[in-house]
Amino acid sequence: MGLVTHFEGGEKEGGGRRSVLGYIQMNAVLKGGSQVMILYLSSQQHTNLLDFLAEQEDALPVKKMTGNFMLKQFVVYDMRNFSHCTELILDHIAFGDKNKDFVHAIEEFLTIYNARITVICEGLKKRDPLYQTLLAAGVSNIVASVEIGEMLDEIRQSLSIRGMTKFSSMEREKTKVQEDHFWFAADGIRIAMISSLSRIWTTTTALGFAAWLGSVGASVAYVEKNGNNIIPYLKNTYKINNKIGGCHLEKI
């Protein structure tokens, strides 16, 4: 994978740093790779809660992981292996994070990935602070019933096209960060990112680095030097039009 960055002198003003991976969220489906699925992180207590989906012909396959988790660590280190999942179901009692850290990890997840999140938190009341912070983070699929039949009904609704509608999640506000801007005295610098294996985030890293360079004042271009043809996928996904010298997305 080649990344060619072209720096020009001159500091640029304005513009906040956008999500590096927000530009390049690419489903494995686009590449004809892994099958889409539901990822379920469960406690021992609720390990069989989604077994009813096996009886539905049109249900997505479920990848179930049972144990004790730290959500922040899972998002950073493990979620990349399941980036093709379209539904993420979190059993709250399976996580050792404090509620504040749990919600913050969800916000980080939603910045990077496109999967919809459902949180199972048995007995949670609408007035509870965790309920409100989940809604504020953009999670409206909250399974809070204590009776098993009602829990299953709420899970079915969460996995429907519209999801749960009794409470609406709030529009997530983008955090505004004071950006650094740099003066790049060099011109025509080329940086290559190369890997010996596929699917280890080389393309993601290269595009993310290019996005960051553009956000801090560099004039940057991404040049593909392998046969993956990811640029046509980006063009179709983000409806990018060709311009002189290639296609342009934000500051790349």
Protein backbone atom coordinates (compact mmCIF):
# COMPACT_ATOMS: atom_id res chain seq x y z
CA MET A 1 0.00 0.00 0.00
CA GLY A 2 1.47 3.32 -1.03
CA LEU A 3 0.77 6.61 0.61
CA VAL A 4 2.16 9.62 -1.17
CA THR A 5 1.94 12.81 0.83
CA HIS A 6 2.63 16.11 -0.88
CA PHE A 7 3.41 18.89 1.61
CA GLU A 8 3.28 22.55 0.75
CA GLY A 9 4.37 25.38 3.01
CA GLY A 10 1.74 27.56 4.61
CA GLU A 11 -0.42 27.10 7.65
CA LYS A 12 -4.13 26.63 7.05
CA GLU A 13 -6.75 27.97 9.38
CA GLY A 14 -10.05 26.60 10.51
CA GLY A 15 -11.61 23.17 10.49
CA GLY A 16 -11.75 20.65 13.32
CA ARG A 17 -10.16 17.25 13.25
CA ARG A 18 -12.60 14.74 11.92
CA SER A 19 -12.71 11.10 12.87
CA VAL A 20 -9.75 9.50 11.15
CA LEU A 21 -11.56 6.25 10.60
CA GLY A 22 -14.84 8.00 9.88
CA TYR A 23 -13.60 8.67 6.38
CA ILE A 24 -12.79 5.10 5.63
CA GLN A 25 -15.22 2.85 7.46
CA MET A 26 -15.36 -0.05 5.06
CA ASN A 27 -17.54 -3.05 5.62
CA ALA A 28 -16.07 -6.44 4.86
CA VAL A 29 -19.15 -6.98 2.73
CA LEU A 30 -17.79 -4.49 0.19
CA LYS A 31 -14.78 -6.71 -0.30
CA GLY A 32 -16.85 -9.86 -0.51
CA GLY A 33 -15.23 -10.98 2.74
CA SER A 34 -16.68 -12.02 6.07
CA GLN A 35 -20.39 -12.53 6.53
CA VAL A 36 -22.33 -9.84 8.36
CA MET A 37 -23.42 -10.93 11.81
CA ILE A 38 -24.61 -10.06 15.31
CA LEU A 39 -21.81 -9.86 17.89
CA TYR A 40 -23.04 -10.65 21.39
CA LEU A 41 -20.83 -10.03 24.42
CA SER A 42 -22.59 -11.87 27.22
CA SER A 43 -22.37 -12.79 30.87
CA GLN A 44 -22.81 -16.39 31.99
CA GLN A 45 -26.24 -15.43 33.30
CA HIS A 46 -27.54 -14.36 29.88
CA THR A 47 -25.48 -16.61 27.62
CA ASN A 48 -28.55 -18.27 26.04
CA LEU A 49 -30.63 -15.11 25.67
CA LEU A 50 -30.27 -14.93 21.86
CA ASP A 51 -30.74 -18.63 21.17
CA PHE A 52 -34.27 -17.95 19.90
CA LEU A 53 -32.76 -16.29 16.81
CA ALA A 54 -31.57 -19.70 15.57
CA GLU A 55 -35.22 -20.55 14.89
CA GLN A 56 -35.68 -17.58 12.55
CA GLU A 57 -34.80 -18.21 8.92
CA ASP A 58 -34.00 -14.56 8.14
CA ALA A 59 -31.97 -13.86 11.29
CA LEU A 60 -28.33 -12.90 11.07
CA PRO A 61 -25.84 -15.38 12.50
CA VAL A 62 -24.79 -14.69 16.08
CA LYS A 63 -21.17 -14.66 17.27
CA LYS A 64 -21.42 -15.14 21.02
CA MET A 65 -18.58 -14.38 23.41
CA THR A 66 -19.20 -15.16 27.07
CA GLY A 67 -17.11 -13.96 29.98
CA ASN A 68 -15.99 -10.80 31.73
CA PHE A 69 -14.93 -7.84 29.61
CA MET A 70 -13.65 -4.30 29.74
CA LEU A 71 -15.46 -2.54 26.90
CA LYS A 72 -12.84 0.14 26.35
CA GLN A 73 -10.12 -2.49 25.92
CA PHE A 74 -12.35 -4.56 23.66
CA VAL A 75 -13.06 -1.59 21.37
CA VAL A 76 -9.36 -0.69 21.11
CA TYR A 77 -7.78 -4.13 20.80
CA ASP A 78 -10.38 -6.71 19.70
CA MET A 79 -13.21 -5.06 17.81
CA ARG A 80 -11.18 -4.78 14.61
CA ASN A 81 -11.54 -8.56 14.24
CA PHE A 82 -15.32 -8.17 14.13
CA SER A 83 -15.62 -4.96 12.12
CA HIS A 84 -18.05 -6.68 9.73
CA CYS A 85 -20.73 -7.10 12.41
CA THR A 86 -23.86 -4.99 11.87
CA GLU A 87 -25.34 -5.40 15.36
CA LEU A 88 -23.42 -5.26 18.64
CA ILE A 89 -25.30 -6.47 21.72
CA LEU A 90 -23.73 -5.71 25.10
CA ASP A 91 -24.81 -7.46 28.29
CA HIS A 92 -24.03 -4.76 30.83
CA ILE A 93 -23.31 -7.10 33.74
CA ALA A 94 -20.54 -8.76 31.69
CA PHE A 95 -18.45 -5.59 31.81
CA GLY A 96 -16.18 -4.37 34.57
CA ASP A 97 -16.10 -0.75 33.36
CA LYS A 98 -17.55 1.96 35.52
CA ASN A 99 -20.76 3.28 33.94
CA LYS A 100 -19.02 6.48 32.83
CA ASP A 101 -16.23 4.51 31.13
CA PHE A 102 -18.75 2.06 29.65
CA VAL A 103 -20.66 4.86 27.93
CA HIS A 104 -17.45 6.59 26.83
CA ALA A 105 -16.30 3.34 25.18
CA ILE A 106 -19.63 3.18 23.33
CA GLU A 107 -19.09 6.73 22.07
CA GLU A 108 -15.63 5.76 20.82
CA PHE A 109 -17.09 2.69 19.14
CA LEU A 110 -19.75 4.74 17.34
CA THR A 111 -17.07 7.13 16.11
CA ILE A 112 -15.19 4.29 14.42
CA TYR A 113 -17.75 1.65 13.46
CA ASN A 114 -21.17 1.56 11.82
CA ALA A 115 -22.77 -1.28 13.79
CA ARG A 116 -25.91 -0.55 15.78
CA ILE A 117 -25.64 -1.08 19.54
CA THR A 118 -28.10 -2.74 21.90
CA VAL A 119 -27.44 -2.69 25.65
CA ILE A 120 -29.02 -5.28 27.94
CA CYS A 121 -29.30 -3.85 31.44
CA GLU A 122 -31.88 -5.79 33.41
CA GLY A 123 -34.01 -3.61 35.70
CA LEU A 124 -32.61 -0.30 34.51
CA LYS A 125 -35.10 2.54 34.99
CA LYS A 126 -35.55 5.52 32.71
CA ARG A 127 -34.71 7.88 35.56
CA ASP A 128 -31.36 6.16 36.20
CA PRO A 129 -28.31 8.21 35.13
CA LEU A 130 -26.97 5.31 33.02
CA TYR A 131 -30.20 5.23 30.99
CA GLN A 132 -29.96 8.92 30.22
CA THR A 133 -26.27 8.83 29.34
CA LEU A 134 -26.85 5.90 26.99
CA LEU A 135 -29.56 7.89 25.21
CA ALA A 136 -27.25 10.91 25.05
CA ALA A 137 -24.52 8.73 23.54
CA GLY A 138 -26.85 7.66 20.73
CA VAL A 139 -28.09 4.30 22.08
CA SER A 140 -31.87 3.88 22.01
CA ASN A 141 -31.93 0.07 22.02
CA ILE A 142 -31.93 -0.50 25.77
CA VAL A 143 -33.30 -3.83 27.00
CA ALA A 144 -34.30 -3.14 30.60
CA SER A 145 -37.10 -5.60 31.39
CA VAL A 146 -36.61 -8.21 34.10
CA GLU A 147 -39.11 -10.80 32.87
CA ILE A 148 -37.61 -13.12 30.26
CA GLY A 149 -40.50 -12.90 27.80
CA GLU A 150 -40.45 -9.11 27.84
CA MET A 151 -36.66 -9.13 27.44
CA LEU A 152 -36.95 -11.28 24.32
CA ASP A 153 -39.62 -8.96 22.91
CA GLU A 154 -37.36 -5.96 23.47
CA ILE A 155 -34.44 -7.74 21.83
CA ARG A 156 -36.61 -8.55 18.79
CA GLN A 157 -37.62 -4.91 18.56
CA SER A 158 -33.99 -3.78 18.92
CA LEU A 159 -32.96 -6.00 16.01
CA SER A 160 -35.82 -4.81 13.79
CA ILE A 161 -35.20 -2.28 11.05
CA ARG A 162 -36.50 0.64 13.13
CA GLY A 163 -35.14 -0.58 16.44
CA MET A 164 -36.74 0.41 19.74
CA THR A 165 -38.90 3.48 19.39
CA LYS A 166 -40.33 4.05 22.88
CA PHE A 167 -37.36 6.32 23.64
CA SER A 168 -35.40 8.28 21.08
CA SER A 169 -31.67 8.62 21.40
CA MET A 170 -30.28 12.11 21.30
CA GLU A 171 -28.26 13.39 18.39
CA ARG A 172 -24.65 12.90 19.33
CA GLU A 173 -22.70 16.15 19.39
CA LYS A 174 -19.24 16.12 17.90
CA THR A 175 -16.61 17.14 20.38
CA LYS A 176 -14.81 20.24 19.21
CA VAL A 177 -11.10 20.00 19.77
CA GLN A 178 -8.63 22.83 19.46
CA GLU A 179 -6.53 21.75 16.51
CA ASP A 180 -2.81 21.99 16.04
CA HIS A 181 -1.63 23.45 12.76
CA PHE A 182 1.87 23.19 11.41
CA TRP A 183 4.03 24.86 8.82
CA PHE A 184 5.43 22.26 6.41
CA ALA A 185 8.63 23.59 4.87
CA ALA A 186 9.30 20.44 2.80
CA ASP A 187 7.65 19.74 -0.53
CA GLY A 188 6.96 16.49 -2.35
CA ILE A 189 7.66 14.16 0.57
CA ARG A 190 6.60 10.54 -0.06
CA ILE A 191 5.67 8.15 2.73
CA ALA A 192 5.02 4.49 1.96
CA MET A 193 3.04 2.16 4.23
CA ILE A 194 3.69 -1.48 3.42
CA SER A 195 2.51 -4.74 4.96
CA SER A 196 3.24 -8.39 4.28
CA LEU A 197 -0.31 -9.54 5.05
CA SER A 198 -3.82 -8.49 4.08
CA ARG A 199 -6.58 -7.34 6.45
CA ILE A 200 -4.25 -5.96 9.13
CA TRP A 201 -5.42 -2.33 8.72
CA THR A 202 -2.62 -1.08 6.49
CA THR A 203 -5.08 0.76 4.24
CA THR A 204 -6.96 2.09 7.27
CA THR A 205 -3.75 3.36 8.82
CA ALA A 206 -2.55 4.96 5.59
CA LEU A 207 -5.83 6.77 4.97
CA GLY A 208 -6.11 7.75 8.62
CA PHE A 209 -2.60 9.22 8.57
CA ALA A 210 -3.43 11.12 5.40
CA ALA A 211 -6.60 12.48 7.03
CA TRP A 212 -4.65 13.65 10.07
CA LEU A 213 -1.99 15.36 7.94
CA GLY A 214 -4.70 17.21 6.07
CA SER A 215 -6.32 18.28 9.33
CA VAL A 216 -3.13 19.93 10.63
CA GLY A 217 -2.35 21.99 7.55
CA ALA A 218 -0.60 19.73 5.03
CA SER A 219 -1.57 19.40 1.40
CA VAL A 220 -1.81 15.62 1.14
CA ALA A 221 -2.69 12.99 -1.46
CA TYR A 222 -3.30 9.27 -1.06
CA VAL A 223 -2.03 7.09 -3.91
CA GLU A 224 -2.93 3.41 -4.10
CA LYS A 225 -0.09 1.15 -5.23
CA ASN A 226 -1.62 -2.31 -4.90
CA GLY A 227 -4.43 -4.22 -6.53
CA ASN A 228 -7.08 -3.84 -3.83
CA ASN A 229 -8.87 -1.06 -5.72
CA ILE A 230 -10.20 0.47 -2.52
CA ILE A 231 -10.58 3.91 -4.08
CA PRO A 232 -13.54 2.84 -6.30
CA TYR A 233 -15.26 1.49 -3.17
CA LEU A 234 -14.70 4.81 -1.41
CA LYS A 235 -16.03 6.71 -4.42
CA ASN A 236 -19.22 4.63 -4.48
CA THR A 237 -19.73 4.70 -0.71
CA TYR A 238 -19.19 8.45 -0.26
CA LYS A 239 -20.50 9.52 -3.68
CA ILE A 240 -17.19 11.14 -4.61
CA ASN A 241 -16.89 12.79 -8.00
CA ASN A 242 -13.71 12.76 -10.04
CA LYS A 243 -11.81 16.02 -10.25
CA ILE A 244 -8.60 17.07 -11.90
CA GLY A 245 -5.78 14.97 -10.51
CA GLY A 246 -8.07 12.33 -8.98
CA CYS A 247 -10.98 12.32 -6.55
CA HIS A 248 -11.20 14.51 -3.47
CA LEU A 249 -12.69 13.74 -0.05
CA GLU A 250 -12.52 16.47 2.60
CA LYS A 251 -8.80 17.39 2.83
CA ILE A 252 -7.35 14.39 0.98
